[in-house]
């Protein structure tokens, strides 16, 4: 089956000469949740803006549902719902009229029953007659999502959807995203919250300085790049790591000795380390392990990409 979104060689250079995207390639499968991670200025919003037709690329091609965004713009854009970072809704309009208007912009016939379903799913139905300026920040963001869903898109872009939203509301949003995916909507989200991607995404894309560093299934990414730490609390802090332990990846801080190892290796080296610690006369009083998180993986990838750039 062809991907619902296919991005080939996407480039964007602004009049200032700044290149925001360097030939980005990305295929997105129908019905998946893809999280696009990257630091500020990495190119996340530029990518979304190009696919949604908000900016004109300077190179490459993008198709949505087989429709080219440049030559078949209306058909491509009709398949997309976009929730931007900034909250931009008419402050004095009522919630129901706001989503009705958005639906009408795409030439859709009036269907208040469908809009009621959308508003109920977002816990907005009891606010349908409220003016937008009477809503909290979290509720306004829900109105943005309702606007984006008003014309029944098959693809939903969420650009930092939970920025400024409290923890409880963020978890409600996560649940909503899962329900949308269950209804067959393909979801692409950008986020600064690593746990958001770890919680929801099927695949993770890491972008930095306009280049896609990696796209991988979340579970496979964690398994292939995840590392584990063994932390040993030593009975007495040594002046330095003994030379006999130089072959291990160790860090010493006070009486805390940390050993980092690859969980996918044939041998973790933990058993051998314990024997070598005893031989070196180092005794420990406690130990614990910590699995690398997606944040560790992300930071590692970005740091590796920056080092390559410096080397070039």
C-alpha atoms as a PDB file:
ATOM      1  CA  UNK A   1       0.000   0.000   0.000  1.00  0.00           C
ATOM      2  CA  UNK A   2       1.311   3.456  -0.934  1.00  0.00           C
ATOM      3  CA  UNK A   3       2.063   5.796   1.988  1.00  0.00           C
ATOM      4  CA  UNK A   4      -0.599   8.410   2.670  1.00  0.00           C
ATOM      5  CA  UNK A   5       2.123  11.101   2.708  1.00  0.00           C
ATOM      6  CA  UNK A   6       5.253  10.855   0.602  1.00  0.00           C
ATOM      7  CA  UNK A   7       7.970  13.505   0.929  1.00  0.00           C
ATOM      8  CA  UNK A   8      10.882  13.353  -1.509  1.00  0.00           C
ATOM      9  CA  UNK A   9      13.873  15.689  -1.439  1.00  0.00           C
ATOM     10  CA  UNK A  10      11.977  18.489   0.334  1.00  0.00           C
ATOM     11  CA  UNK A  11      13.991  21.694   0.468  1.00  0.00           C
ATOM     12  CA  UNK A  12      13.260  25.156   1.780  1.00  0.00           C
ATOM     13  CA  UNK A  13      15.595  28.125   1.487  1.00  0.00           C
ATOM     14  CA  UNK A  14      14.303  31.521   2.549  1.00  0.00           C
ATOM     15  CA  UNK A  15      15.060  34.835   0.840  1.00  0.00           C
ATOM     16  CA  UNK A  16      17.556  35.561   3.615  1.00  0.00           C
ATOM     17  CA  UNK A  17      19.611  32.619   2.374  1.00  0.00           C
ATOM     18  CA  UNK A  18      18.857  30.445   5.384  1.00  0.00           C
ATOM     19  CA  UNK A  19      18.181  26.824   4.405  1.00  0.00           C
ATOM     20  CA  UNK A  20      15.614  25.321   6.768  1.00  0.00           C
ATOM     21  CA  UNK A  21      15.258  21.932   5.036  1.00  0.00           C
ATOM     22  CA  UNK A  22      18.005  20.011   3.246  1.00  0.00           C
ATOM     23  CA  UNK A  23      16.420  17.432   0.915  1.00  0.00           C
ATOM     24  CA  UNK A  24      14.178  15.721   3.447  1.00  0.00           C
ATOM     25  CA  UNK A  25      12.771  12.262   2.553  1.00  0.00           C
ATOM     26  CA  UNK A  26       9.923  10.757   4.570  1.00  0.00           C
ATOM     27  CA  UNK A  27       7.051   8.336   3.939  1.00  0.00           C
ATOM     28  CA  UNK A  28       4.148   8.229   6.404  1.00  0.00           C
ATOM     29  CA  UNK A  29       1.847   5.227   6.467  1.00  0.00           C
ATOM     30  CA  UNK A  30      -1.922   5.513   6.762  1.00  0.00           C
ATOM     31  CA  UNK A  31      -3.242   5.107  10.304  1.00  0.00           C
ATOM     32  CA  UNK A  32       0.061   5.564  12.141  1.00  0.00           C
ATOM     33  CA  UNK A  33       1.152   8.089  14.740  1.00  0.00           C
ATOM     34  CA  UNK A  34       4.498   9.632  13.828  1.00  0.00           C
ATOM     35  CA  UNK A  35       6.258  11.875  16.335  1.00  0.00           C
ATOM     36  CA  UNK A  36       8.745  14.345  14.911  1.00  0.00           C
ATOM     37  CA  UNK A  37      11.319  15.361  17.521  1.00  0.00           C
ATOM     38  CA  UNK A  38      13.913  18.069  17.297  1.00  0.00           C
ATOM     39  CA  UNK A  39      15.273  21.149  19.085  1.00  0.00           C
ATOM     40  CA  UNK A  40      14.017  24.662  18.344  1.00  0.00           C
ATOM     41  CA  UNK A  41      14.804  25.642  14.766  1.00  0.00           C
ATOM     42  CA  UNK A  42      15.296  22.028  13.679  1.00  0.00           C
ATOM     43  CA  UNK A  43      12.793  22.271  10.798  1.00  0.00           C
ATOM     44  CA  UNK A  44       9.736  20.579  12.323  1.00  0.00           C
ATOM     45  CA  UNK A  45       7.277  23.419  11.757  1.00  0.00           C
ATOM     46  CA  UNK A  46       8.798  24.212   8.349  1.00  0.00           C
ATOM     47  CA  UNK A  47       8.156  20.614   7.275  1.00  0.00           C
ATOM     48  CA  UNK A  48       4.542  20.752   8.429  1.00  0.00           C
ATOM     49  CA  UNK A  49       4.017  24.162   6.811  1.00  0.00           C
ATOM     50  CA  UNK A  50       5.348  22.896   3.483  1.00  0.00           C
ATOM     51  CA  UNK A  51       3.134  19.790   3.480  1.00  0.00           C
ATOM     52  CA  UNK A  52       0.074  21.852   4.441  1.00  0.00           C
ATOM     53  CA  UNK A  53       0.736  24.454   1.750  1.00  0.00           C
ATOM     54  CA  UNK A  54       1.451  27.329   4.122  1.00  0.00           C
ATOM     55  CA  UNK A  55       4.879  27.912   2.588  1.00  0.00           C
ATOM     56  CA  UNK A  56       6.210  27.081  -0.854  1.00  0.00           C
ATOM     57  CA  UNK A  57       9.129  24.604  -0.954  1.00  0.00           C
ATOM     58  CA  UNK A  58      12.163  25.486  -3.053  1.00  0.00           C
ATOM     59  CA  UNK A  59      12.724  21.875  -4.045  1.00  0.00           C
ATOM     60  CA  UNK A  60      11.350  18.352  -3.848  1.00  0.00           C
ATOM     61  CA  UNK A  61       7.864  16.896  -4.075  1.00  0.00           C
ATOM     62  CA  UNK A  62       5.109  16.086  -1.573  1.00  0.00           C
ATOM     63  CA  UNK A  63       1.997  13.999  -2.166  1.00  0.00           C
ATOM     64  CA  UNK A  64      -0.926  13.501   0.220  1.00  0.00           C
ATOM     65  CA  UNK A  65      -3.194  10.590  -0.647  1.00  0.00           C
ATOM     66  CA  UNK A  66      -1.585  10.579  -4.075  1.00  0.00           C
ATOM     67  CA  UNK A  67      -2.312  14.290  -4.658  1.00  0.00           C
ATOM     68  CA  UNK A  68       0.657  16.553  -5.354  1.00  0.00           C
ATOM     69  CA  UNK A  69       0.562  19.557  -3.015  1.00  0.00           C
ATOM     70  CA  UNK A  70       1.765  21.867  -5.799  1.00  0.00           C
ATOM     71  CA  UNK A  71      -0.287  20.715  -8.811  1.00  0.00           C
ATOM     72  CA  UNK A  72      -3.359  19.327  -6.996  1.00  0.00           C
ATOM     73  CA  UNK A  73      -3.404  21.606  -3.974  1.00  0.00           C
ATOM     74  CA  UNK A  74      -7.129  21.627  -3.202  1.00  0.00           C
ATOM     75  CA  UNK A  75      -7.478  17.838  -3.138  1.00  0.00           C
ATOM     76  CA  UNK A  76      -4.320  17.459  -1.030  1.00  0.00           C
ATOM     77  CA  UNK A  77      -5.273  20.178   1.441  1.00  0.00           C
ATOM     78  CA  UNK A  78      -8.801  18.802   1.850  1.00  0.00           C
ATOM     79  CA  UNK A  79      -7.289  15.628   3.315  1.00  0.00           C
ATOM     80  CA  UNK A  80      -5.343  17.538   5.991  1.00  0.00           C
ATOM     81  CA  UNK A  81      -6.283  18.970   9.367  1.00  0.00           C
ATOM     82  CA  UNK A  82      -3.755  21.248  11.023  1.00  0.00           C
ATOM     83  CA  UNK A  83      -3.501  22.284  14.669  1.00  0.00           C
ATOM     84  CA  UNK A  84      -0.855  25.040  14.807  1.00  0.00           C
ATOM     85  CA  UNK A  85       1.311  25.991  17.764  1.00  0.00           C
ATOM     86  CA  UNK A  86      -0.241  29.405  18.172  1.00  0.00           C
ATOM     87  CA  UNK A  87      -3.816  29.743  19.389  1.00  0.00           C
ATOM     88  CA  UNK A  88      -5.505  31.790  16.668  1.00  0.00           C
ATOM     89  CA  UNK A  89      -9.288  31.783  16.878  1.00  0.00           C
ATOM     90  CA  UNK A  90     -11.814  34.606  16.628  1.00  0.00           C
ATOM     91  CA  UNK A  91     -12.125  35.697  20.285  1.00  0.00           C
ATOM     92  CA  UNK A  92     -15.760  36.840  20.210  1.00  0.00           C
ATOM     93  CA  UNK A  93     -17.172  33.985  18.105  1.00  0.00           C
ATOM     94  CA  UNK A  94     -18.993  31.110  19.725  1.00  0.00           C
ATOM     95  CA  UNK A  95     -17.431  27.645  19.699  1.00  0.00           C
ATOM     96  CA  UNK A  96     -20.068  25.972  17.506  1.00  0.00           C
ATOM     97  CA  UNK A  97     -19.974  28.756  14.928  1.00  0.00           C
ATOM     98  CA  UNK A  98     -16.169  28.560  14.885  1.00  0.00           C
ATOM     99  CA  UNK A  99     -16.149  24.907  13.828  1.00  0.00           C
ATOM    100  CA  UNK A 100     -19.081  25.399  11.437  1.00  0.00           C
ATOM    101  CA  UNK A 101     -17.136  28.138   9.665  1.00  0.00           C
ATOM    102  CA  UNK A 102     -14.030  25.949   9.368  1.00  0.00           C
ATOM    103  CA  UNK A 103     -16.087  23.126   7.874  1.00  0.00           C
ATOM    104  CA  UNK A 104     -17.627  25.522   5.365  1.00  0.00           C
ATOM    105  CA  UNK A 105     -14.191  26.741   4.243  1.00  0.00           C
ATOM    106  CA  UNK A 106     -13.580  23.285   2.773  1.00  0.00           C
ATOM    107  CA  UNK A 107     -16.887  23.264   0.926  1.00  0.00           C
ATOM    108  CA  UNK A 108     -18.430  20.661   3.217  1.00  0.00           C
ATOM    109  CA  UNK A 109     -22.180  20.607   3.652  1.00  0.00           C
ATOM    110  CA  UNK A 110     -23.599  21.565   7.033  1.00  0.00           C
ATOM    111  CA  UNK A 111     -23.537  18.594   9.402  1.00  0.00           C
ATOM    112  CA  UNK A 112     -24.144  19.627  12.996  1.00  0.00           C
ATOM    113  CA  UNK A 113     -24.495  15.983  14.043  1.00  0.00           C
ATOM    114  CA  UNK A 114     -20.882  15.330  13.023  1.00  0.00           C
ATOM    115  CA  UNK A 115     -19.695  18.540  14.687  1.00  0.00           C
ATOM    116  CA  UNK A 116     -21.537  17.551  17.862  1.00  0.00           C
ATOM    117  CA  UNK A 117     -19.632  14.245  17.831  1.00  0.00           C
ATOM    118  CA  UNK A 118     -16.321  16.114  17.461  1.00  0.00           C
ATOM    119  CA  UNK A 119     -17.129  18.570  20.249  1.00  0.00           C
ATOM    120  CA  UNK A 120     -18.275  15.800  22.579  1.00  0.00           C
ATOM    121  CA  UNK A 121     -15.071  13.840  21.952  1.00  0.00           C
ATOM    122  CA  UNK A 122     -13.125  16.936  22.995  1.00  0.00           C
ATOM    123  CA  UNK A 123     -15.314  17.619  26.067  1.00  0.00           C
ATOM    124  CA  UNK A 124     -16.437  20.851  24.423  1.00  0.00           C
ATOM    125  CA  UNK A 125     -20.125  20.174  23.893  1.00  0.00           C
ATOM    126  CA  UNK A 126     -21.169  22.015  27.040  1.00  0.00           C
ATOM    127  CA  UNK A 127     -19.096  24.976  25.777  1.00  0.00           C
ATOM    128  CA  UNK A 128     -20.659  25.079  22.301  1.00  0.00           C
ATOM    129  CA  UNK A 129     -22.430  28.394  22.963  1.00  0.00           C
ATOM    130  CA  UNK A 130     -19.521  29.975  24.846  1.00  0.00           C
ATOM    131  CA  UNK A 131     -17.414  32.674  23.237  1.00  0.00           C
ATOM    132  CA  UNK A 132     -13.835  31.646  22.554  1.00  0.00           C
ATOM    133  CA  UNK A 133     -12.440  34.393  24.803  1.00  0.00           C
ATOM    134  CA  UNK A 134     -14.323  32.879  27.738  1.00  0.00           C
ATOM    135  CA  UNK A 135     -12.395  29.604  27.500  1.00  0.00           C
ATOM    136  CA  UNK A 136      -9.235  28.519  29.309  1.00  0.00           C
ATOM    137  CA  UNK A 137      -6.018  28.039  27.359  1.00  0.00           C
ATOM    138  CA  UNK A 138      -6.463  24.269  27.336  1.00  0.00           C
ATOM    139  CA  UNK A 139     -10.031  24.553  26.063  1.00  0.00           C
ATOM    140  CA  UNK A 140      -8.965  26.977  23.333  1.00  0.00           C
ATOM    141  CA  UNK A 141      -6.440  24.395  22.170  1.00  0.00           C
ATOM    142  CA  UNK A 142      -9.249  21.839  22.027  1.00  0.00           C
ATOM    143  CA  UNK A 143     -11.218  24.259  19.849  1.00  0.00           C
ATOM    144  CA  UNK A 144      -8.222  24.347  17.487  1.00  0.00           C
ATOM    145  CA  UNK A 145      -8.378  20.562  17.234  1.00  0.00           C
ATOM    146  CA  UNK A 146     -12.139  20.695  16.632  1.00  0.00           C
ATOM    147  CA  UNK A 147     -11.552  23.211  13.815  1.00  0.00           C
ATOM    148  CA  UNK A 148      -8.925  20.929  12.299  1.00  0.00           C
ATOM    149  CA  UNK A 149     -11.293  17.937  12.442  1.00  0.00           C
ATOM    150  CA  UNK A 150     -14.369  19.831  11.233  1.00  0.00           C
ATOM    151  CA  UNK A 151     -13.961  18.813   7.562  1.00  0.00           C
ATOM    152  CA  UNK A 152     -13.257  15.130   8.329  1.00  0.00           C
ATOM    153  CA  UNK A 153      -9.568  14.989   7.310  1.00  0.00           C
ATOM    154  CA  UNK A 154      -7.697  11.716   6.912  1.00  0.00           C
ATOM    155  CA  UNK A 155      -4.434  13.279   8.132  1.00  0.00           C
ATOM    156  CA  UNK A 156      -4.024  15.416  11.260  1.00  0.00           C
ATOM    157  CA  UNK A 157      -0.934  17.514  11.980  1.00  0.00           C
ATOM    158  CA  UNK A 158      -0.447  18.507  15.617  1.00  0.00           C
ATOM    159  CA  UNK A 159       2.301  21.103  16.017  1.00  0.00           C
ATOM    160  CA  UNK A 160       3.238  21.131  19.726  1.00  0.00           C
ATOM    161  CA  UNK A 161      -0.346  20.177  20.686  1.00  0.00           C
ATOM    162  CA  UNK A 162       0.132  20.230  24.457  1.00  0.00           C
ATOM    163  CA  UNK A 163       2.389  23.271  24.805  1.00  0.00           C
ATOM    164  CA  UNK A 164       1.276  25.186  27.868  1.00  0.00           C
ATOM    165  CA  UNK A 165      -1.273  22.529  28.818  1.00  0.00           C
ATOM    166  CA  UNK A 166      -1.331  21.098  32.341  1.00  0.00           C
ATOM    167  CA  UNK A 167      -0.418  17.455  32.965  1.00  0.00           C
ATOM    168  CA  UNK A 168      -3.983  16.169  33.401  1.00  0.00           C
ATOM    169  CA  UNK A 169      -5.209  17.833  30.227  1.00  0.00           C
ATOM    170  CA  UNK A 170      -2.133  16.567  28.389  1.00  0.00           C
ATOM    171  CA  UNK A 171      -3.061  12.986  29.262  1.00  0.00           C
ATOM    172  CA  UNK A 172      -6.627  13.633  28.068  1.00  0.00           C
ATOM    173  CA  UNK A 173      -5.172  14.830  24.771  1.00  0.00           C
ATOM    174  CA  UNK A 174      -3.083  11.681  24.494  1.00  0.00           C
ATOM    175  CA  UNK A 175      -6.219   9.599  24.879  1.00  0.00           C
ATOM    176  CA  UNK A 176      -7.974  11.661  22.216  1.00  0.00           C
ATOM    177  CA  UNK A 177      -5.107  11.109  19.789  1.00  0.00           C
ATOM    178  CA  UNK A 178      -5.340   7.349  20.325  1.00  0.00           C
ATOM    179  CA  UNK A 179      -9.085   7.446  19.644  1.00  0.00           C
ATOM    180  CA  UNK A 180      -8.533   9.411  16.429  1.00  0.00           C
ATOM    181  CA  UNK A 181      -5.973   6.861  15.277  1.00  0.00           C
ATOM    182  CA  UNK A 182      -8.484   4.094  16.085  1.00  0.00           C
ATOM    183  CA  UNK A 183     -10.894   5.889  13.738  1.00  0.00           C
ATOM    184  CA  UNK A 184      -8.314   5.656  10.958  1.00  0.00           C
ATOM    185  CA  UNK A 185      -6.835   9.158  11.151  1.00  0.00           C
ATOM    186  CA  UNK A 186      -3.108   9.403  10.434  1.00  0.00           C
ATOM    187  CA  UNK A 187      -1.432  11.668  12.987  1.00  0.00           C
ATOM    188  CA  UNK A 188       1.852  13.535  12.762  1.00  0.00           C
ATOM    189  CA  UNK A 189       2.861  15.446  15.856  1.00  0.00           C
ATOM    190  CA  UNK A 190       5.796  17.579  16.805  1.00  0.00           C
ATOM    191  CA  UNK A 191       6.591  17.878  20.474  1.00  0.00           C
ATOM    192  CA  UNK A 192       9.162  19.058  22.977  1.00  0.00           C
ATOM    193  CA  UNK A 193       7.824  16.574  25.511  1.00  0.00           C
ATOM    194  CA  UNK A 194       9.855  13.412  25.040  1.00  0.00           C
ATOM    195  CA  UNK A 195       7.417  11.427  27.174  1.00  0.00           C
ATOM    196  CA  UNK A 196       4.648  12.434  24.784  1.00  0.00           C
ATOM    197  CA  UNK A 197       6.368  10.698  21.886  1.00  0.00           C
ATOM    198  CA  UNK A 198       7.333   7.756  24.081  1.00  0.00           C
ATOM    199  CA  UNK A 199       3.724   7.389  25.226  1.00  0.00           C
ATOM    200  CA  UNK A 200       1.903   7.660  21.897  1.00  0.00           C
ATOM    201  CA  UNK A 201       4.009   7.287  18.790  1.00  0.00           C
ATOM    202  CA  UNK A 202       4.304   4.237  16.567  1.00  0.00           C
ATOM    203  CA  UNK A 203       7.382   5.707  14.906  1.00  0.00           C
ATOM    204  CA  UNK A 204       9.854   8.398  15.896  1.00  0.00           C
ATOM    205  CA  UNK A 205      11.558  10.810  13.535  1.00  0.00           C
ATOM    206  CA  UNK A 206      14.477  12.931  14.762  1.00  0.00           C
ATOM    207  CA  UNK A 207      15.212  16.116  12.839  1.00  0.00           C
ATOM    208  CA  UNK A 208      17.964  18.657  13.438  1.00  0.00           C
ATOM    209  CA  UNK A 209      19.091  21.651  11.369  1.00  0.00           C
ATOM    210  CA  UNK A 210      16.810  20.681   8.505  1.00  0.00           C
ATOM    211  CA  UNK A 211      18.058  17.119   8.196  1.00  0.00           C
ATOM    212  CA  UNK A 212      16.214  13.969   9.163  1.00  0.00           C
ATOM    213  CA  UNK A 213      18.674  12.045  11.325  1.00  0.00           C
ATOM    214  CA  UNK A 214      16.565   8.941  11.793  1.00  0.00           C
ATOM    215  CA  UNK A 215      13.064   7.490  11.395  1.00  0.00           C
ATOM    216  CA  UNK A 216      12.392   4.260  13.234  1.00  0.00           C
ATOM    217  CA  UNK A 217       9.677   2.287  14.986  1.00  0.00           C
ATOM    218  CA  UNK A 218       9.666   3.436  18.595  1.00  0.00           C
ATOM    219  CA  UNK A 219      10.096   0.000  20.141  1.00  0.00           C
ATOM    220  CA  UNK A 220      12.834  -0.951  17.684  1.00  0.00           C
ATOM    221  CA  UNK A 221      14.579   2.356  18.278  1.00  0.00           C
ATOM    222  CA  UNK A 222      14.573   1.870  22.024  1.00  0.00           C
ATOM    223  CA  UNK A 223      15.845  -1.687  21.654  1.00  0.00           C
ATOM    224  CA  UNK A 224      18.605  -0.880  19.161  1.00  0.00           C
ATOM    225  CA  UNK A 225      19.849   2.356  20.721  1.00  0.00           C
ATOM    226  CA  UNK A 226      18.786   1.996  24.329  1.00  0.00           C
ATOM    227  CA  UNK A 227      21.555   1.449  26.820  1.00  0.00           C
ATOM    228  CA  UNK A 228      21.453   0.509  30.449  1.00  0.00           C
ATOM    229  CA  UNK A 229      23.323   1.804  33.459  1.00  0.00           C
ATOM    230  CA  UNK A 230      24.402  -0.208  36.490  1.00  0.00           C
ATOM    231  CA  UNK A 231      24.948   2.117  39.455  1.00  0.00           C
ATOM    232  CA  UNK A 232      27.046   0.813  42.339  1.00  0.00           C
ATOM    233  CA  UNK A 233      27.229   2.543  45.702  1.00  0.00           C
ATOM    234  CA  UNK A 234      30.758   1.782  46.920  1.00  0.00           C
ATOM    235  CA  UNK A 235      31.518   1.221  50.586  1.00  0.00           C
ATOM    236  CA  UNK A 236      34.445   3.634  50.303  1.00  0.00           C
ATOM    237  CA  UNK A 237      35.136   6.216  47.621  1.00  0.00           C
ATOM    238  CA  UNK A 238      38.414   5.485  45.788  1.00  0.00           C
ATOM    239  CA  UNK A 239      40.713   8.276  44.627  1.00  0.00           C
ATOM    240  CA  UNK A 240      40.388   7.047  41.052  1.00  0.00           C
ATOM    241  CA  UNK A 241      39.137   4.123  38.984  1.00  0.00           C
ATOM    242  CA  UNK A 242      41.750   1.344  39.274  1.00  0.00           C
ATOM    243  CA  UNK A 243      43.794   0.709  36.150  1.00  0.00           C
ATOM    244  CA  UNK A 244      42.601  -2.913  36.124  1.00  0.00           C
ATOM    245  CA  UNK A 245      39.081  -1.620  35.299  1.00  0.00           C
ATOM    246  CA  UNK A 246      40.168   0.564  32.379  1.00  0.00           C
ATOM    247  CA  UNK A 247      38.465  -1.744  29.887  1.00  0.00           C
ATOM    248  CA  UNK A 248      35.000  -0.885  31.174  1.00  0.00           C
ATOM    249  CA  UNK A 249      32.844   2.168  30.400  1.00  0.00           C
ATOM    250  CA  UNK A 250      32.859   3.550  33.938  1.00  0.00           C
ATOM    251  CA  UNK A 251      32.201   6.907  35.579  1.00  0.00           C
ATOM    252  CA  UNK A 252      33.147   7.667  39.177  1.00  0.00           C
ATOM    253  CA  UNK A 253      31.454  10.388  41.217  1.00  0.00           C
ATOM    254  CA  UNK A 254      32.228  10.275  44.903  1.00  0.00           C
ATOM    255  CA  UNK A 255      31.418   6.750  46.027  1.00  0.00           C
ATOM    256  CA  UNK A 256      29.040   6.165  43.095  1.00  0.00           C
ATOM    257  CA  UNK A 257      30.381   4.051  40.228  1.00  0.00           C
ATOM    258  CA  UNK A 258      28.292   3.890  37.045  1.00  0.00           C
ATOM    259  CA  UNK A 259      28.775   1.204  34.393  1.00  0.00           C
ATOM    260  CA  UNK A 260      27.081   1.750  31.010  1.00  0.00           C
ATOM    261  CA  UNK A 261      26.494  -1.246  28.783  1.00  0.00           C
ATOM    262  CA  UNK A 262      24.644  -2.297  25.645  1.00  0.00           C
ATOM    263  CA  UNK A 263      21.562  -4.391  26.414  1.00  0.00           C
ATOM    264  CA  UNK A 264      21.653  -5.989  22.940  1.00  0.00           C
ATOM    265  CA  UNK A 265      25.254  -7.213  23.146  1.00  0.00           C
ATOM    266  CA  UNK A 266      25.984 -10.927  23.448  1.00  0.00           C
ATOM    267  CA  UNK A 267      27.552 -10.254  26.831  1.00  0.00           C
ATOM    268  CA  UNK A 268      26.799  -7.281  29.076  1.00  0.00           C
ATOM    269  CA  UNK A 269      30.037  -7.727  30.997  1.00  0.00           C
ATOM    270  CA  UNK A 270      28.264  -7.292  34.337  1.00  0.00           C
ATOM    271  CA  UNK A 271      29.367 -10.654  35.748  1.00  0.00           C
ATOM    272  CA  UNK A 272      32.976 -10.074  34.755  1.00  0.00           C
ATOM    273  CA  UNK A 273      32.863  -6.529  36.181  1.00  0.00           C
ATOM    274  CA  UNK A 274      31.718  -7.840  39.546  1.00  0.00           C
ATOM    275  CA  UNK A 275      34.652 -10.250  39.682  1.00  0.00           C
ATOM    276  CA  UNK A 276      37.112  -7.531  38.662  1.00  0.00           C
ATOM    277  CA  UNK A 277      35.709  -5.152  41.282  1.00  0.00           C
ATOM    278  CA  UNK A 278      36.319  -7.754  43.980  1.00  0.00           C
ATOM    279  CA  UNK A 279      39.836  -8.363  42.685  1.00  0.00           C
ATOM    280  CA  UNK A 280      40.500  -4.602  42.825  1.00  0.00           C
ATOM    281  CA  UNK A 281      39.329  -4.525  46.451  1.00  0.00           C
ATOM    282  CA  UNK A 282      36.240  -2.406  45.770  1.00  0.00           C
ATOM    283  CA  UNK A 283      33.184  -3.365  47.811  1.00  0.00           C
ATOM    284  CA  UNK A 284      29.686  -2.007  47.178  1.00  0.00           C
ATOM    285  CA  UNK A 285      26.748  -1.576  49.537  1.00  0.00           C
ATOM    286  CA  UNK A 286      23.955  -1.152  47.017  1.00  0.00           C
ATOM    287  CA  UNK A 287      23.263  -1.352  43.294  1.00  0.00           C
ATOM    288  CA  UNK A 288      20.539  -0.291  40.868  1.00  0.00           C
ATOM    289  CA  UNK A 289      19.946  -0.222  37.123  1.00  0.00           C
ATOM    290  CA  UNK A 290      18.436   2.386  34.822  1.00  0.00           C
ATOM    291  CA  UNK A 291      17.240   1.863  31.256  1.00  0.00           C
ATOM    292  CA  UNK A 292      17.948   4.633  28.759  1.00  0.00           C
ATOM    293  CA  UNK A 293      14.883   6.696  27.974  1.00  0.00           C
ATOM    294  CA  UNK A 294      13.829   8.093  24.620  1.00  0.00           C
ATOM    295  CA  UNK A 295      15.233  11.423  25.814  1.00  0.00           C
ATOM    296  CA  UNK A 296      18.693   9.851  26.153  1.00  0.00           C
ATOM    297  CA  UNK A 297      18.401   8.413  22.646  1.00  0.00           C
ATOM    298  CA  UNK A 298      17.210  11.736  21.232  1.00  0.00           C
ATOM    299  CA  UNK A 299      20.008  13.749  22.828  1.00  0.00           C
ATOM    300  CA  UNK A 300      22.547  11.201  21.652  1.00  0.00           C
ATOM    301  CA  UNK A 301      21.327  11.404  18.043  1.00  0.00           C
ATOM    302  CA  UNK A 302      21.288  15.213  17.988  1.00  0.00           C
ATOM    303  CA  UNK A 303      24.760  15.369  19.541  1.00  0.00           C
ATOM    304  CA  UNK A 304      26.049  12.844  16.981  1.00  0.00           C
ATOM    305  CA  UNK A 305      24.540  14.872  14.126  1.00  0.00           C
ATOM    306  CA  UNK A 306      26.153  18.076  15.388  1.00  0.00           C
ATOM    307  CA  UNK A 307      29.544  16.383  15.710  1.00  0.00           C
ATOM    308  CA  UNK A 308      29.305  15.160  12.103  1.00  0.00           C
ATOM    309  CA  UNK A 309      28.465  18.675  10.938  1.00  0.00           C
ATOM    310  CA  UNK A 310      31.486  20.102  12.733  1.00  0.00           C
ATOM    311  CA  UNK A 311      33.706  17.386  11.211  1.00  0.00           C
ATOM    312  CA  UNK A 312      32.504  18.290   7.716  1.00  0.00           C
END
